[in-house]
Full PDB file with SEQRES, HELIX, SHEET, SSBOND, CRYST1, ORIGX, SCALE, CONECT and MASTER records, all heavy atoms in Angstrom:
SEQRES   1 A   31  GLY LEU GLY SER GLN VAL SER GLN ILE ALA ALA ILE ALA          
SEQRES   2 A   31  LEU PRO ASN LYS ILE ASP HIS TYR ILE LYS ASP VAL LEU          
SEQRES   3 A   31  ARG MET LYS PHE TYR                                          
HELIX    1 AA1 GLN A    5  ALA A   13  1                                   9    
HELIX    2 AA2 ASN A   16  HIS A   20  1                                   5    
HELIX    3 AA3 TYR A   21  VAL A   25  3                                   5    
CRYST1    1.000    1.000    1.000  90.00  90.00  90.00 P 1           1          
ORIGX1      1.000000  0.000000  0.000000        0.00000                         
ORIGX2      0.000000  1.000000  0.000000        0.00000                         
ORIGX3      0.000000  0.000000  1.000000        0.00000                         
SCALE1      1.000000  0.000000  0.000000        0.00000                         
SCALE2      0.000000  1.000000  0.000000        0.00000                         
SCALE3      0.000000  0.000000  1.000000        0.00000                         
ATOM      1  N   GLY A   1       9.517   1.451  13.019  1.00  0.00           N  
ATOM      2  CA  GLY A   1      10.682   2.292  13.259  1.00  0.00           C  
ATOM      3  C   GLY A   1      11.308   2.826  11.977  1.00  0.00           C  
ATOM      4  O   GLY A   1      11.605   2.066  11.054  1.00  0.00           O  
ATOM      5  N   LEU A   2      11.505   4.135  11.923  1.00  0.00           N  
ATOM      6  CA  LEU A   2      12.265   4.728  10.817  1.00  0.00           C  
ATOM      7  C   LEU A   2      13.743   4.430  11.038  1.00  0.00           C  
ATOM      8  O   LEU A   2      14.300   4.733  12.094  1.00  0.00           O  
ATOM      9  CB  LEU A   2      12.032   6.237  10.767  1.00  0.00           C  
ATOM     10  CG  LEU A   2      10.678   6.699  10.221  1.00  0.00           C  
ATOM     11  CD1 LEU A   2      10.479   8.186  10.479  1.00  0.00           C  
ATOM     12  CD2 LEU A   2      10.579   6.408   8.740  1.00  0.00           C  
ATOM     13  N   GLY A   3      14.385   3.849  10.042  1.00  0.00           N  
ATOM     14  CA  GLY A   3      15.773   3.433  10.175  1.00  0.00           C  
ATOM     15  C   GLY A   3      15.942   1.935  10.072  1.00  0.00           C  
ATOM     16  O   GLY A   3      17.063   1.430   9.997  1.00  0.00           O  
ATOM     17  N   SER A   4      14.852   1.193  10.061  1.00  0.00           N  
ATOM     18  CA  SER A   4      14.871  -0.257   9.904  1.00  0.00           C  
ATOM     19  C   SER A   4      14.302  -0.610   8.535  1.00  0.00           C  
ATOM     20  O   SER A   4      13.204  -0.188   8.179  1.00  0.00           O  
ATOM     21  CB  SER A   4      14.037  -0.919  11.005  1.00  0.00           C  
ATOM     22  OG  SER A   4      13.771  -2.269  10.704  1.00  0.00           O  
ATOM     23  N   GLN A   5      15.054  -1.394   7.753  1.00  0.00           N  
ATOM     24  CA  GLN A   5      14.602  -1.731   6.408  1.00  0.00           C  
ATOM     25  C   GLN A   5      13.389  -2.646   6.433  1.00  0.00           C  
ATOM     26  O   GLN A   5      12.491  -2.518   5.586  1.00  0.00           O  
ATOM     27  CB  GLN A   5      15.729  -2.385   5.614  1.00  0.00           C  
ATOM     28  CG  GLN A   5      15.410  -2.542   4.135  1.00  0.00           C  
ATOM     29  CD  GLN A   5      16.583  -3.022   3.320  1.00  0.00           C  
ATOM     30  OE1 GLN A   5      17.671  -3.227   3.849  1.00  0.00           O  
ATOM     31  NE2 GLN A   5      16.374  -3.202   2.027  1.00  0.00           N  
ATOM     32  N   VAL A   6      13.302  -3.540   7.391  1.00  0.00           N  
ATOM     33  CA  VAL A   6      12.135  -4.414   7.497  1.00  0.00           C  
ATOM     34  C   VAL A   6      10.888  -3.587   7.794  1.00  0.00           C  
ATOM     35  O   VAL A   6       9.814  -3.819   7.218  1.00  0.00           O  
ATOM     36  CB  VAL A   6      12.359  -5.484   8.582  1.00  0.00           C  
ATOM     37  CG1 VAL A   6      11.089  -6.303   8.793  1.00  0.00           C  
ATOM     38  CG2 VAL A   6      13.511  -6.413   8.194  1.00  0.00           C  
ATOM     39  N   SER A   7      11.016  -2.602   8.683  1.00  0.00           N  
ATOM     40  CA  SER A   7       9.884  -1.719   8.972  1.00  0.00           C  
ATOM     41  C   SER A   7       9.488  -0.913   7.751  1.00  0.00           C  
ATOM     42  O   SER A   7       8.304  -0.631   7.528  1.00  0.00           O  
ATOM     43  CB  SER A   7      10.233  -0.783  10.132  1.00  0.00           C  
ATOM     44  OG  SER A   7      10.412  -1.500  11.340  1.00  0.00           O  
ATOM     45  N   GLN A   8      10.476  -0.526   6.950  1.00  0.00           N  
ATOM     46  CA  GLN A   8      10.188   0.229   5.731  1.00  0.00           C  
ATOM     47  C   GLN A   8       9.349  -0.604   4.761  1.00  0.00           C  
ATOM     48  O   GLN A   8       8.362  -0.112   4.197  1.00  0.00           O  
ATOM     49  CB  GLN A   8      11.506   0.639   5.060  1.00  0.00           C  
ATOM     50  CG  GLN A   8      11.364   1.665   3.960  1.00  0.00           C  
ATOM     51  CD  GLN A   8      11.322   3.076   4.484  1.00  0.00           C  
ATOM     52  OE1 GLN A   8      11.303   3.295   5.687  1.00  0.00           O  
ATOM     53  NE2 GLN A   8      11.289   4.041   3.592  1.00  0.00           N  
ATOM     54  N   ILE A   9       9.716  -1.854   4.565  1.00  0.00           N  
ATOM     55  CA  ILE A   9       8.943  -2.735   3.686  1.00  0.00           C  
ATOM     56  C   ILE A   9       7.556  -3.001   4.266  1.00  0.00           C  
ATOM     57  O   ILE A   9       6.558  -3.062   3.539  1.00  0.00           O  
ATOM     58  CB  ILE A   9       9.701  -4.057   3.459  1.00  0.00           C  
ATOM     59  CG1 ILE A   9      11.069  -3.784   2.815  1.00  0.00           C  
ATOM     60  CG2 ILE A   9       8.898  -4.992   2.583  1.00  0.00           C  
ATOM     61  CD1 ILE A   9      11.008  -3.029   1.516  1.00  0.00           C  
ATOM     62  N   ALA A  10       7.485  -3.139   5.589  1.00  0.00           N  
ATOM     63  CA  ALA A  10       6.187  -3.344   6.227  1.00  0.00           C  
ATOM     64  C   ALA A  10       5.275  -2.136   6.031  1.00  0.00           C  
ATOM     65  O   ALA A  10       4.065  -2.281   5.825  1.00  0.00           O  
ATOM     66  CB  ALA A  10       6.382  -3.620   7.718  1.00  0.00           C  
ATOM     67  N   ALA A  11       5.850  -0.924   6.074  1.00  0.00           N  
ATOM     68  CA  ALA A  11       5.063   0.291   5.871  1.00  0.00           C  
ATOM     69  C   ALA A  11       4.519   0.371   4.451  1.00  0.00           C  
ATOM     70  O   ALA A  11       3.423   0.896   4.221  1.00  0.00           O  
ATOM     71  CB  ALA A  11       5.917   1.518   6.184  1.00  0.00           C  
ATOM     72  N   ILE A  12       5.278  -0.150   3.484  1.00  0.00           N  
ATOM     73  CA  ILE A  12       4.795  -0.169   2.099  1.00  0.00           C  
ATOM     74  C   ILE A  12       3.668  -1.177   1.928  1.00  0.00           C  
ATOM     75  O   ILE A  12       2.695  -0.943   1.212  1.00  0.00           O  
ATOM     76  CB  ILE A  12       5.956  -0.499   1.139  1.00  0.00           C  
ATOM     77  CG1 ILE A  12       7.074   0.527   1.267  1.00  0.00           C  
ATOM     78  CG2 ILE A  12       5.473  -0.556  -0.305  1.00  0.00           C  
ATOM     79  CD1 ILE A  12       8.322   0.170   0.497  1.00  0.00           C  
ATOM     80  N   ALA A  13       3.789  -2.316   2.620  1.00  0.00           N  
ATOM     81  CA  ALA A  13       2.830  -3.401   2.433  1.00  0.00           C  
ATOM     82  C   ALA A  13       1.531  -3.210   3.206  1.00  0.00           C  
ATOM     83  O   ALA A  13       0.497  -3.774   2.824  1.00  0.00           O  
ATOM     84  CB  ALA A  13       3.471  -4.732   2.855  1.00  0.00           C  
ATOM     85  N   LEU A  14       1.549  -2.413   4.276  1.00  0.00           N  
ATOM     86  CA  LEU A  14       0.376  -2.300   5.136  1.00  0.00           C  
ATOM     87  C   LEU A  14      -0.877  -1.823   4.392  1.00  0.00           C  
ATOM     88  O   LEU A  14      -1.944  -2.430   4.533  1.00  0.00           O  
ATOM     89  CB  LEU A  14       0.694  -1.382   6.322  1.00  0.00           C  
ATOM     90  CG  LEU A  14      -0.447  -1.098   7.298  1.00  0.00           C  
ATOM     91  CD1 LEU A  14      -1.015  -2.387   7.873  1.00  0.00           C  
ATOM     92  CD2 LEU A  14       0.037  -0.192   8.433  1.00  0.00           C  
ATOM     93  N   PRO A  15      -0.821  -0.750   3.572  1.00  0.00           N  
ATOM     94  CA  PRO A  15      -2.044  -0.309   2.872  1.00  0.00           C  
ATOM     95  C   PRO A  15      -2.280  -1.003   1.529  1.00  0.00           C  
ATOM     96  O   PRO A  15      -3.027  -0.492   0.698  1.00  0.00           O  
ATOM     97  CB  PRO A  15      -1.798   1.205   2.663  1.00  0.00           C  
ATOM     98  CG  PRO A  15      -0.477   1.512   3.282  1.00  0.00           C  
ATOM     99  CD  PRO A  15       0.255   0.223   3.385  1.00  0.00           C  
ATOM    100  N   ASN A  16      -1.651  -2.158   1.310  1.00  0.00           N  
ATOM    101  CA  ASN A  16      -1.754  -2.805   0.002  1.00  0.00           C  
ATOM    102  C   ASN A  16      -3.199  -3.165  -0.348  1.00  0.00           C  
ATOM    103  O   ASN A  16      -3.626  -3.033  -1.509  1.00  0.00           O  
ATOM    104  CB  ASN A  16      -0.878  -4.064  -0.020  1.00  0.00           C  
ATOM    105  CG  ASN A  16      -0.770  -4.674  -1.397  1.00  0.00           C  
ATOM    106  OD1 ASN A  16      -0.589  -3.969  -2.392  1.00  0.00           O  
ATOM    107  ND2 ASN A  16      -0.883  -5.989  -1.482  1.00  0.00           N  
ATOM    108  N   LYS A  17      -3.976  -3.625   0.632  1.00  0.00           N  
ATOM    109  CA  LYS A  17      -5.382  -3.954   0.362  1.00  0.00           C  
ATOM    110  C   LYS A  17      -6.184  -2.707   0.011  1.00  0.00           C  
ATOM    111  O   LYS A  17      -7.129  -2.775  -0.790  1.00  0.00           O  
ATOM    112  CB  LYS A  17      -5.989  -4.672   1.567  1.00  0.00           C  
ATOM    113  CG  LYS A  17      -5.499  -6.104   1.751  1.00  0.00           C  
ATOM    114  CD  LYS A  17      -6.286  -6.833   2.819  1.00  0.00           C  
ATOM    115  CE  LYS A  17      -5.845  -8.287   2.930  1.00  0.00           C  
ATOM    116  NZ  LYS A  17      -6.606  -9.023   3.976  1.00  0.00           N  
ATOM    117  N   ILE A  18      -5.833  -1.586   0.602  1.00  0.00           N  
ATOM    118  CA  ILE A  18      -6.496  -0.324   0.255  1.00  0.00           C  
ATOM    119  C   ILE A  18      -6.202   0.023  -1.196  1.00  0.00           C  
ATOM    120  O   ILE A  18      -7.089   0.447  -1.949  1.00  0.00           O  
ATOM    121  CB  ILE A  18      -6.035   0.798   1.203  1.00  0.00           C  
ATOM    122  CG1 ILE A  18      -6.406   0.462   2.650  1.00  0.00           C  
ATOM    123  CG2 ILE A  18      -6.639   2.137   0.791  1.00  0.00           C  
ATOM    124  CD1 ILE A  18      -5.933   1.479   3.671  1.00  0.00           C  
ATOM    125  N   ASP A  19      -4.931  -0.154  -1.614  1.00  0.00           N  
ATOM    126  CA  ASP A  19      -4.552   0.119  -3.004  1.00  0.00           C  
ATOM    127  C   ASP A  19      -5.375  -0.724  -3.968  1.00  0.00           C  
ATOM    128  O   ASP A  19      -5.899  -0.218  -4.973  1.00  0.00           O  
ATOM    129  CB  ASP A  19      -3.059  -0.166  -3.209  1.00  0.00           C  
ATOM    130  CG  ASP A  19      -2.171   0.729  -2.376  1.00  0.00           C  
ATOM    131  OD1 ASP A  19      -2.645   1.793  -1.950  1.00  0.00           O  
ATOM    132  OD2 ASP A  19      -1.010   0.364  -2.143  1.00  0.00           O  
ATOM    133  N   HIS A  20      -5.482  -2.013  -3.687  1.00  0.00           N  
ATOM    134  CA  HIS A  20      -6.209  -2.909  -4.588  1.00  0.00           C  
ATOM    135  C   HIS A  20      -7.708  -2.607  -4.595  1.00  0.00           C  
ATOM    136  O   HIS A  20      -8.358  -2.749  -5.643  1.00  0.00           O  
ATOM    137  CB  HIS A  20      -5.963  -4.367  -4.183  1.00  0.00           C  
ATOM    138  CG  HIS A  20      -4.656  -4.903  -4.679  1.00  0.00           C  
ATOM    139  ND1 HIS A  20      -4.466  -5.292  -5.989  1.00  0.00           N  
ATOM    140  CD2 HIS A  20      -3.465  -5.092  -4.060  1.00  0.00           C  
ATOM    141  CE1 HIS A  20      -3.221  -5.719  -6.144  1.00  0.00           C  
ATOM    142  NE2 HIS A  20      -2.593  -5.603  -4.991  1.00  0.00           N  
ATOM    143  N   TYR A  21      -8.246  -2.207  -3.462  1.00  0.00           N  
ATOM    144  CA  TYR A  21      -9.671  -1.878  -3.431  1.00  0.00           C  
ATOM    145  C   TYR A  21      -9.952  -0.660  -4.320  1.00  0.00           C  
ATOM    146  O   TYR A  21     -10.920  -0.651  -5.091  1.00  0.00           O  
ATOM    147  CB  TYR A  21     -10.117  -1.604  -1.998  1.00  0.00           C  
ATOM    148  CG  TYR A  21     -11.620  -1.441  -1.858  1.00  0.00           C  
ATOM    149  CD1 TYR A  21     -12.440  -2.540  -1.640  1.00  0.00           C  
ATOM    150  CD2 TYR A  21     -12.223  -0.184  -1.960  1.00  0.00           C  
ATOM    151  CE1 TYR A  21     -13.808  -2.407  -1.519  1.00  0.00           C  
ATOM    152  CE2 TYR A  21     -13.593  -0.040  -1.849  1.00  0.00           C  
ATOM    153  CZ  TYR A  21     -14.387  -1.147  -1.625  1.00  0.00           C  
ATOM    154  OH  TYR A  21     -15.739  -1.007  -1.524  1.00  0.00           O  
ATOM    155  N   ILE A  22      -9.105   0.343  -4.229  1.00  0.00           N  
ATOM    156  CA  ILE A  22      -9.310   1.547  -5.037  1.00  0.00           C  
ATOM    157  C   ILE A  22      -9.108   1.243  -6.523  1.00  0.00           C  
ATOM    158  O   ILE A  22      -9.867   1.705  -7.378  1.00  0.00           O  
ATOM    159  CB  ILE A  22      -8.364   2.664  -4.569  1.00  0.00           C  
ATOM    160  CG1 ILE A  22      -8.736   3.108  -3.152  1.00  0.00           C  
ATOM    161  CG2 ILE A  22      -8.415   3.863  -5.516  1.00  0.00           C  
ATOM    162  CD1 ILE A  22      -7.786   4.103  -2.542  1.00  0.00           C  
ATOM    163  N   LYS A  23      -8.099   0.446  -6.823  1.00  0.00           N  
ATOM    164  CA  LYS A  23      -7.785   0.149  -8.222  1.00  0.00           C  
ATOM    165  C   LYS A  23      -8.751  -0.878  -8.823  1.00  0.00           C  
ATOM    166  O   LYS A  23      -9.245  -0.694  -9.943  1.00  0.00           O  
ATOM    167  CB  LYS A  23      -6.350  -0.383  -8.329  1.00  0.00           C  
ATOM    168  CG  LYS A  23      -5.275   0.679  -8.360  1.00  0.00           C  
ATOM    169  CD  LYS A  23      -5.138   1.277  -9.748  1.00  0.00           C  
ATOM    170  CE  LYS A  23      -3.895   2.127  -9.860  1.00  0.00           C  
ATOM    171  NZ  LYS A  23      -3.750   2.727 -11.205  1.00  0.00           N  
ATOM    172  N   ASP A  24      -9.012  -1.967  -8.101  1.00  0.00           N  
ATOM    173  CA  ASP A  24      -9.735  -3.101  -8.671  1.00  0.00           C  
ATOM    174  C   ASP A  24     -11.241  -3.047  -8.449  1.00  0.00           C  
ATOM    175  O   ASP A  24     -12.006  -3.461  -9.326  1.00  0.00           O  
ATOM    176  CB  ASP A  24      -9.176  -4.410  -8.095  1.00  0.00           C  
ATOM    177  CG  ASP A  24      -7.686  -4.553  -8.344  1.00  0.00           C  
ATOM    178  OD1 ASP A  24      -7.189  -3.951  -9.304  1.00  0.00           O  
ATOM    179  OD2 ASP A  24      -7.016  -5.262  -7.565  1.00  0.00           O  
ATOM    180  N   VAL A  25     -11.664  -2.561  -7.280  1.00  0.00           N  
ATOM    181  CA  VAL A  25     -13.098  -2.527  -6.974  1.00  0.00           C  
ATOM    182  C   VAL A  25     -13.723  -1.213  -7.421  1.00  0.00           C  
ATOM    183  O   VAL A  25     -14.721  -1.200  -8.138  1.00  0.00           O  
ATOM    184  CB  VAL A  25     -13.332  -2.767  -5.466  1.00  0.00           C  
ATOM    185  CG1 VAL A  25     -14.823  -2.708  -5.154  1.00  0.00           C  
ATOM    186  CG2 VAL A  25     -12.744  -4.106  -5.041  1.00  0.00           C  
ATOM    187  N   LEU A  26     -13.108  -0.099  -7.006  1.00  0.00           N  
ATOM    188  CA  LEU A  26     -13.643   1.208  -7.393  1.00  0.00           C  
ATOM    189  C   LEU A  26     -13.229   1.618  -8.803  1.00  0.00           C  
ATOM    190  O   LEU A  26     -13.763   2.595  -9.342  1.00  0.00           O  
ATOM    191  CB  LEU A  26     -13.193   2.275  -6.388  1.00  0.00           C  
ATOM    192  CG  LEU A  26     -13.652   2.058  -4.944  1.00  0.00           C  
ATOM    193  CD1 LEU A  26     -13.142   3.171  -4.055  1.00  0.00           C  
ATOM    194  CD2 LEU A  26     -15.163   1.956  -4.866  1.00  0.00           C  
ATOM    195  N   ARG A  27     -12.267   0.894  -9.390  1.00  0.00           N  
ATOM    196  CA  ARG A  27     -11.851   1.106 -10.779  1.00  0.00           C  
ATOM    197  C   ARG A  27     -11.325   2.520 -11.015  1.00  0.00           C  
ATOM    198  O   ARG A  27     -11.612   3.151 -12.027  1.00  0.00           O  
ATOM    199  CB  ARG A  27     -13.010   0.819 -11.741  1.00  0.00           C  
ATOM    200  CG  ARG A  27     -13.724  -0.492 -11.530  1.00  0.00           C  
ATOM    201  CD  ARG A  27     -12.838  -1.682 -11.754  1.00  0.00           C  
ATOM    202  NE  ARG A  27     -12.451  -1.822 -13.158  1.00  0.00           N  
ATOM    203  CZ  ARG A  27     -11.624  -2.767 -13.618  1.00  0.00           C  
ATOM    204  NH1 ARG A  27     -11.085  -3.639 -12.768  1.00  0.00           N  
ATOM    205  NH2 ARG A  27     -11.333  -2.834 -14.891  1.00  0.00           N  
ATOM    206  N   MET A  28     -10.519   3.007 -10.070  1.00  0.00           N  
ATOM    207  CA  MET A  28      -9.917   4.330 -10.223  1.00  0.00           C  
ATOM    208  C   MET A  28      -8.567   4.161 -10.918  1.00  0.00           C  
ATOM    209  O   MET A  28      -7.601   3.677 -10.318  1.00  0.00           O  
ATOM    210  CB  MET A  28      -9.754   5.017  -8.867  1.00  0.00           C  
ATOM    211  CG  MET A  28     -11.066   5.194  -8.111  1.00  0.00           C  
ATOM    212  SD  MET A  28     -12.349   6.008  -9.071  1.00  0.00           S  
ATOM    213  CE  MET A  28     -11.628   7.607  -9.337  1.00  0.00           C  
ATOM    214  N   LYS A  29      -8.512   4.562 -12.159  1.00  0.00           N  
ATOM    215  CA  LYS A  29      -7.318   4.353 -12.978  1.00  0.00           C  
ATOM    216  C   LYS A  29      -6.181   5.278 -12.569  1.00  0.00           C  
ATOM    217  O   LYS A  29      -5.017   4.877 -12.547  1.00  0.00           O  
ATOM    218  CB  LYS A  29      -7.679   4.563 -14.453  1.00  0.00           C  
ATOM    219  CG  LYS A  29      -6.562   4.246 -15.419  1.00  0.00           C  
ATOM    220  CD  LYS A  29      -7.035   4.393 -16.854  1.00  0.00           C  
ATOM    221  CE  LYS A  29      -5.915   4.059 -17.832  1.00  0.00           C  
ATOM    222  NZ  LYS A  29      -6.367   4.227 -19.236  1.00  0.00           N  
ATOM    223  N   PHE A  30      -6.519   6.538 -12.262  1.00  0.00           N  
ATOM    224  CA  PHE A  30      -5.487   7.531 -11.950  1.00  0.00           C  
ATOM    225  C   PHE A  30      -5.317   7.607 -10.434  1.00  0.00           C  
ATOM    226  O   PHE A  30      -5.850   8.500  -9.765  1.00  0.00           O  
ATOM    227  CB  PHE A  30      -5.864   8.895 -12.535  1.00  0.00           C  
ATOM    228  CG  PHE A  30      -6.004   8.885 -14.034  1.00  0.00           C  
ATOM    229  CD1 PHE A  30      -6.934   9.687 -14.668  1.00  0.00           C  
ATOM    230  CD2 PHE A  30      -5.214   8.059 -14.816  1.00  0.00           C  
ATOM    231  CE1 PHE A  30      -7.061   9.683 -16.047  1.00  0.00           C  
ATOM    232  CE2 PHE A  30      -5.339   8.036 -16.197  1.00  0.00           C  
ATOM    233  CZ  PHE A  30      -6.266   8.847 -16.814  1.00  0.00           C  
ATOM    234  N   TYR A  31      -4.573   6.653  -9.902  1.00  0.00           N  
ATOM    235  CA  TYR A  31      -4.343   6.562  -8.455  1.00  0.00           C  
ATOM    236  C   TYR A  31      -2.860   6.366  -8.201  1.00  0.00           C  
ATOM    237  O   TYR A  31      -2.217   5.508  -8.822  1.00  0.00           O  
ATOM    238  CB  TYR A  31      -5.141   5.397  -7.864  1.00  0.00           C  
ATOM    239  CG  TYR A  31      -4.763   5.041  -6.443  1.00  0.00           C  
ATOM    240  CD1 TYR A  31      -5.080   5.887  -5.388  1.00  0.00           C  
ATOM    241  CD2 TYR A  31      -4.086   3.858  -6.154  1.00  0.00           C  
ATOM    242  CE1 TYR A  31      -4.732   5.566  -4.083  1.00  0.00           C  
ATOM    243  CE2 TYR A  31      -3.745   3.521  -4.856  1.00  0.00           C  
ATOM    244  CZ  TYR A  31      -4.068   4.372  -3.818  1.00  0.00           C  
ATOM    245  OH  TYR A  31      -3.725   4.053  -2.534  1.00  0.00           O  
TER     246      TYR A  31                                                      
MASTER        0    0    0    3    0    0    0    6  245    1    0    3          
END                                                                             
């Protein structure tokens, strides 16, 4: 839900594994 701070933090955390895969596994520096 837009308007809930807990949902906002959850939305930031959901793609966190995608971020780490691109940064750490694929070694994409400019991301």
